[in-house]
Structures are given as C-alpha cells and as structure tokens.
Amino acid sequence: MILEAQDLEFRYRQNRPVLKNVSFKIEGGETVALLGRNGAGKTTLFRLMLGILKSGKGKFFINGEDIESLKKNDMAKHISYIPQMSKQEFSYTVLETVLMGSAHYIPLFSAPGEREKKKALEILQIFNMEGLRDRNMTELSGGERQMALIARALMQDTDFIILDEPTASLDYGNQILVLETLEKLREGGAGLLFSTHNPEQALMYATRILLMDDSTIVFSGSKEDLVSSHLLESLYGRNLFIDQVDTGANRRYICIPK
C-alpha cells in the first residue's frame, strides 16, 4: 500500500500560504514522523488528507487511486485518524467510543456484535483501560480520552494511521506504551504518519522523517541523514547535542539543548 501526496497547496488567506509544493509518499510498513514548528502547517496537512478541508490544490492517492473518488466508508477502510485534541460533546462510554471504529465493516443499521466487543476489550486491555470501559468519555482526563481515541483507531484496523501529536497529553509511561504499540502495527504492515514536537520521539521510532518549514517539506530522509544535516538546529533555532546511546538491546538517539 502507498499513500501519496502530490503538489499540495493551501491558503486560509489569499496572500498567506499555509502549504505550498508539498509532496511525499508513505508505504505500508514504515513510520514517518513529521516535525515542524508551531504554525508550520502540520495539522492543516492532515485535514486536507482526510477531506476535512476542501479548497486546496494538489491530490492524494492510495495505491494510485485519487482519494476524492472514494466514498467515506471506503476511506475509513484505508485511513484512520487520531486528532491532536477532541471536544467530547456526547455521553458515550469508553467501550462505545472504541466500538465506533468498527462502523465501516459491519452492515448498515447493524450494531457491533460479540466479536467486535471482544476485539474492543482486547484493545482496551493493551492500554490498561479495561477498567474504564463503562466510564463516560466526558468524565475522563485529557490523557485518558486520547488513549480511548487511539484505541478506536486501532479498532478501525486500517492500512494507514495518521496521528496529530498523539502523545502530547499523555504521561511518560503511556507515551512509550502508545509508541511501542504503533511500532508493532508498523511491523504488521501498517503505514504510520505522526506529528510531534519531540525530536527524540521521531529519532527513536520513525523509519523516515519529514521536516516542515516555511509551509513546505524541506527534508525527507533517514534519521541518520537528518542528524548529520544540522537541520534540526536550524529549524528550532537552538544548539542541540544529538548522539546515540547503547541501551543493550539497540541504540537510541538522544537530543538535548547544549
């Protein structure tokens, strides 16, 4: 599976481009991290990919097929999305929220059956949330609500998962849990695109990194090439110390200000 963006442009105001000449590809089995300063256009890019924003130029393709030609239900079979933040307006339980991820593969006007409920509970168990299954989403903390949305995306079981700062509201332990779970999905063949303001997360878990600056992609490549380019220092306007440490099982990057 290949998800491709071609020559994207978008403006909220006529004289102020938010995205310009943005092109990239994501294949199944890779995790792509999107780094950029606040206002770089990361969330706008995701909204264009999902069809939430319509007035931009350029195209998105899944395996060569224009996304605009797909019905919403078909789109839901290919791409799941975890937003940066969500406002909970309806009184759904955690379990009901996760089960919403099954809507595209059960018959119209049908309710999720025992098989879907079993799968939803297994996913909640992965995130240590089975004890919250009957809690109302409006009663959860921001971090708990985010975990429930991630569980819903896993329930959707798509080829690609798009995550807008998925760990921003999570404590450190749950950040690692989410990223390790996403790594297992990648190993299973899913393609992942996530934005983050934490370069260490990108350097630790991504197989490829995109850098956004001045409304466009200024770098696309491996973490090794990014580190040697010093583009991170230029992007954030800080002198950074980036090195590898041996954790025993593998080697990881650290990124701290000098």
Protein backbone atom coordinates (compact mmCIF):
# COMPACT_ATOMS: atom_id res chain seq x y z
CA MET A 1 0.00 0.00 0.00
CA ILE A 2 1.20 3.52 -0.84
CA LEU A 3 -0.29 6.81 0.38
CA GLU A 4 0.92 9.71 -1.76
CA ALA A 5 0.54 13.49 -1.66
CA GLN A 6 1.25 15.45 -4.84
CA ASP A 7 1.88 19.20 -5.12
CA LEU A 8 -0.32 20.30 -2.23
CA GLU A 9 -1.12 23.97 -1.70
CA PHE A 10 -3.50 25.59 0.75
CA ARG A 11 -4.29 29.14 1.90
CA TYR A 12 -6.59 30.36 4.64
CA ARG A 13 -5.96 33.87 3.29
CA GLN A 14 -5.18 34.74 -0.28
CA ASN A 15 -1.76 36.23 0.46
CA ARG A 16 -0.68 33.73 3.12
CA PRO A 17 0.09 30.14 2.00
CA VAL A 18 -0.10 27.55 4.77
CA LEU A 19 1.10 24.76 2.48
CA LYS A 20 2.98 25.05 -0.79
CA ASN A 21 4.52 22.44 -3.10
CA VAL A 22 4.11 19.64 -0.55
CA SER A 23 4.73 16.14 -1.94
CA PHE A 24 5.60 12.86 -0.20
CA LYS A 25 4.87 9.13 -0.11
CA ILE A 26 4.24 6.72 2.76
CA GLU A 27 4.39 2.97 2.27
CA GLY A 28 2.95 0.22 4.39
CA GLY A 29 5.47 -0.95 6.97
CA GLU A 30 7.07 2.42 7.63
CA THR A 31 6.61 5.04 10.34
CA VAL A 32 7.06 8.60 9.16
CA ALA A 33 7.47 11.38 11.72
CA LEU A 34 6.53 14.95 10.79
CA LEU A 35 8.49 17.65 12.60
CA GLY A 36 7.92 21.39 12.38
CA ARG A 37 7.46 24.48 14.47
CA ASN A 38 4.06 25.70 15.64
CA GLY A 39 2.11 27.00 12.66
CA ALA A 40 4.21 25.09 10.11
CA GLY A 41 1.06 23.56 8.58
CA LYS A 42 1.13 20.03 10.03
CA THR A 43 -2.48 19.92 11.23
CA THR A 44 -3.68 21.62 8.03
CA LEU A 45 -1.90 18.92 6.03
CA PHE A 46 -3.69 16.18 7.96
CA ARG A 47 -7.07 17.88 7.50
CA LEU A 48 -6.51 18.07 3.77
CA MET A 49 -5.57 14.38 3.65
CA LEU A 50 -8.83 13.49 5.38
CA GLY A 51 -11.00 15.76 3.26
CA ILE A 52 -11.94 17.99 6.22
CA LEU A 53 -10.52 20.93 4.25
CA LYS A 54 -11.56 21.01 0.60
CA SER A 55 -10.29 24.16 -1.06
CA GLY A 56 -6.64 23.27 -1.50
CA LYS A 57 -4.76 22.34 -4.66
CA GLY A 58 -3.00 19.05 -5.30
CA LYS A 59 -4.02 15.42 -4.91
CA PHE A 60 -3.86 12.48 -2.53
CA PHE A 61 -3.67 8.91 -3.79
CA ILE A 62 -3.96 5.46 -2.23
CA ASN A 63 -2.29 2.90 -4.47
CA GLY A 64 -2.66 5.31 -7.36
CA GLU A 65 -6.38 5.94 -6.77
CA ASP A 66 -7.49 9.52 -6.15
CA ILE A 67 -8.82 9.74 -2.57
CA GLU A 68 -11.53 12.16 -3.71
CA SER A 69 -13.09 9.34 -5.74
CA LEU A 70 -13.54 7.16 -2.65
CA LYS A 71 -16.70 7.06 -0.58
CA LYS A 72 -16.35 7.91 3.10
CA ASN A 73 -16.88 4.29 4.10
CA ASP A 74 -14.13 3.18 1.74
CA MET A 75 -11.82 5.89 3.07
CA ALA A 76 -12.44 4.55 6.58
CA LYS A 77 -11.15 1.16 5.46
CA HIS A 78 -7.83 2.69 4.42
CA ILE A 79 -7.10 5.59 6.80
CA SER A 80 -7.76 6.16 10.49
CA TYR A 81 -7.07 9.47 12.22
CA ILE A 82 -6.23 10.48 15.77
CA PRO A 83 -6.67 14.23 16.26
CA GLN A 84 -4.46 16.48 18.36
CA MET A 85 -7.34 17.19 20.72
CA SER A 86 -11.05 16.45 20.78
CA LYS A 87 -14.03 18.04 22.43
CA GLN A 88 -16.34 15.41 23.87
CA GLU A 89 -19.93 16.60 23.42
CA PHE A 90 -21.90 13.34 23.66
CA SER A 91 -22.19 10.92 26.55
CA TYR A 92 -20.62 7.79 25.08
CA THR A 93 -18.79 5.27 27.22
CA VAL A 94 -15.20 4.32 26.52
CA LEU A 95 -16.28 0.95 25.13
CA GLU A 96 -18.91 2.55 22.87
CA THR A 97 -16.30 5.00 21.59
CA VAL A 98 -13.84 2.24 20.72
CA LEU A 99 -16.60 0.23 19.01
CA MET A 100 -17.24 3.19 16.70
CA GLY A 101 -14.04 2.14 14.95
CA SER A 102 -15.89 -0.92 13.61
CA ALA A 103 -18.63 1.08 11.86
CA HIS A 104 -17.16 0.72 8.37
CA TYR A 105 -17.04 -3.08 8.37
CA ILE A 106 -20.41 -4.00 9.88
CA PRO A 107 -23.69 -3.90 7.88
CA LEU A 108 -25.63 -0.65 7.70
CA PHE A 109 -28.08 -0.18 10.60
CA SER A 110 -26.45 -3.09 12.47
CA ALA A 111 -24.92 -2.90 15.94
CA PRO A 112 -21.48 -4.27 16.82
CA GLY A 113 -21.69 -7.93 17.78
CA GLU A 114 -19.86 -10.08 20.30
CA ARG A 115 -16.85 -10.43 18.01
CA GLU A 116 -16.42 -6.65 17.79
CA LYS A 117 -16.92 -6.25 21.55
CA LYS A 118 -14.29 -8.90 22.23
CA LYS A 119 -11.82 -7.14 19.95
CA ALA A 120 -12.56 -3.75 21.54
CA LEU A 121 -11.95 -5.15 25.03
CA GLU A 122 -8.68 -6.71 23.89
CA ILE A 123 -7.53 -3.33 22.58
CA LEU A 124 -8.54 -1.61 25.84
CA GLN A 125 -6.52 -4.22 27.69
CA ILE A 126 -3.44 -3.30 25.63
CA PHE A 127 -3.72 0.24 27.01
CA ASN A 128 -4.61 -0.89 30.55
CA MET A 129 -8.03 0.75 30.16
CA GLU A 130 -10.35 -2.22 30.59
CA GLY A 131 -11.37 -0.81 33.99
CA LEU A 132 -12.65 2.33 32.24
CA ARG A 133 -14.86 0.53 29.72
CA ASP A 134 -18.11 1.81 31.24
CA ARG A 135 -16.89 5.29 32.12
CA ASN A 136 -18.36 8.23 30.24
CA MET A 137 -15.87 9.92 27.91
CA THR A 138 -16.83 13.30 29.39
CA GLU A 139 -15.56 12.10 32.79
CA LEU A 140 -12.07 11.21 31.58
CA SER A 141 -8.89 13.24 31.79
CA GLY A 142 -7.43 14.60 28.56
CA GLY A 143 -4.82 11.83 28.51
CA GLU A 144 -7.37 9.07 29.12
CA ARG A 145 -9.60 10.46 26.38
CA GLN A 146 -6.66 10.50 23.97
CA MET A 147 -5.88 6.86 24.78
CA ALA A 148 -9.52 5.95 24.05
CA LEU A 149 -9.29 7.67 20.64
CA ILE A 150 -6.09 5.78 19.85
CA ALA A 151 -7.88 2.54 20.82
CA ARG A 152 -10.73 3.49 18.46
CA ALA A 153 -8.25 3.96 15.61
CA LEU A 154 -6.78 0.51 16.29
CA MET A 155 -10.30 -0.91 16.22
CA GLN A 156 -10.70 0.57 12.75
CA ASP A 157 -7.87 -1.71 11.54
CA THR A 158 -6.74 0.39 8.57
CA ASP A 159 -3.78 0.34 6.19
CA PHE A 160 -2.64 3.79 7.32
CA ILE A 161 -2.89 5.65 10.62
CA ILE A 162 -2.46 9.44 10.83
CA LEU A 163 -1.72 10.82 14.30
CA ASP A 164 -1.59 14.52 15.15
CA GLU A 165 0.70 14.83 18.20
CA PRO A 166 -0.69 11.58 19.65
CA THR A 167 1.31 11.65 22.89
CA ALA A 168 1.04 15.37 23.73
CA SER A 169 -1.38 14.91 26.65
CA LEU A 170 -0.04 11.57 27.91
CA ASP A 171 2.23 10.84 30.84
CA TYR A 172 5.66 9.41 30.03
CA GLY A 173 4.69 5.78 30.61
CA ASN A 174 1.68 6.00 28.31
CA GLN A 175 3.72 7.85 25.69
CA ILE A 176 6.06 4.87 25.49
CA LEU A 177 3.13 2.42 25.53
CA VAL A 178 1.45 4.17 22.58
CA LEU A 179 4.65 4.45 20.55
CA GLU A 180 5.58 0.81 21.18
CA THR A 181 2.06 -0.26 20.14
CA LEU A 182 2.38 1.76 16.94
CA GLU A 183 5.73 0.11 16.30
CA LYS A 184 4.04 -3.30 16.45
CA LEU A 185 1.42 -2.11 13.95
CA ARG A 186 4.20 -0.99 11.61
CA GLU A 187 5.85 -4.38 11.91
CA GLY A 188 2.49 -5.86 10.94
CA GLY A 189 2.49 -3.84 7.70
CA ALA A 190 0.62 -0.64 8.59
CA GLY A 191 1.89 2.74 7.41
CA LEU A 192 2.00 5.45 10.06
CA LEU A 193 2.36 9.23 9.87
CA PHE A 194 2.61 11.13 13.16
CA SER A 195 3.46 14.69 14.05
CA THR A 196 5.38 15.54 17.20
CA HIS A 197 7.21 18.42 18.85
CA ASN A 198 9.60 15.95 20.45
CA PRO A 199 12.57 15.23 18.14
CA GLU A 200 13.63 12.32 20.34
CA GLN A 201 10.37 10.50 19.58
CA ALA A 202 10.99 10.94 15.87
CA LEU A 203 14.59 9.79 16.16
CA MET A 204 13.59 6.82 18.31
CA TYR A 205 10.59 5.39 16.45
CA ALA A 206 10.45 6.74 12.90
CA THR A 207 11.86 4.89 9.94
CA ARG A 208 11.81 8.15 7.99
CA ILE A 209 11.43 11.80 8.95
CA LEU A 210 9.77 14.75 7.20
CA LEU A 211 10.70 18.29 8.21
CA MET A 212 8.28 21.15 7.54
CA ASP A 213 9.39 24.76 7.44
CA ASP A 214 8.07 27.82 5.65
CA SER A 215 4.92 25.88 4.63
CA THR A 216 6.73 23.14 2.72
CA ILE A 217 8.74 19.94 3.16
CA VAL A 218 12.42 20.90 3.48
CA PHE A 219 13.73 17.43 4.34
CA SER A 220 12.65 13.84 3.75
CA GLY A 221 15.02 11.08 4.69
CA SER A 222 16.54 8.86 7.32
CA LYS A 223 17.22 9.92 10.91
CA GLU A 224 20.95 9.48 10.25
CA ASP A 225 20.84 11.94 7.35
CA LEU A 226 18.78 14.39 9.40
CA VAL A 227 21.21 14.33 12.32
CA SER A 228 24.21 14.92 10.05
CA SER A 229 22.47 17.80 8.24
CA HIS A 230 22.08 20.05 11.34
CA LEU A 231 18.62 20.99 10.03
CA LEU A 232 17.04 20.41 13.44
CA GLU A 233 19.20 23.14 14.94
CA SER A 234 18.22 25.49 12.14
CA LEU A 235 14.53 24.63 12.46
CA TYR A 236 14.29 25.22 16.21
CA GLY A 237 16.92 27.96 16.48
CA ARG A 238 18.83 26.11 19.20
CA ASN A 239 22.21 24.47 19.52
CA LEU A 240 21.47 20.79 20.06
CA PHE A 241 23.50 17.86 21.32
CA ILE A 242 22.43 14.73 19.40
CA ASP A 243 24.11 11.41 19.99
CA GLN A 244 23.41 7.70 20.17
CA VAL A 245 23.34 5.68 23.37
CA ASP A 246 23.55 1.90 23.71
CA THR A 247 20.52 0.61 25.63
CA GLY A 248 21.69 -3.00 25.48
CA ALA A 249 19.06 -4.25 23.04
CA ASN A 250 19.65 -1.48 20.49
CA ARG A 251 20.97 2.02 20.01
CA ARG A 252 18.81 5.11 20.54
CA TYR A 253 19.24 8.79 19.82
CA ILE A 254 19.15 11.46 22.47
CA CYS A 255 18.51 15.11 21.62
CA ILE A 256 19.06 17.80 24.26
CA PRO A 257 19.92 21.51 24.12
CA LYS A 258 23.57 22.40 24.61
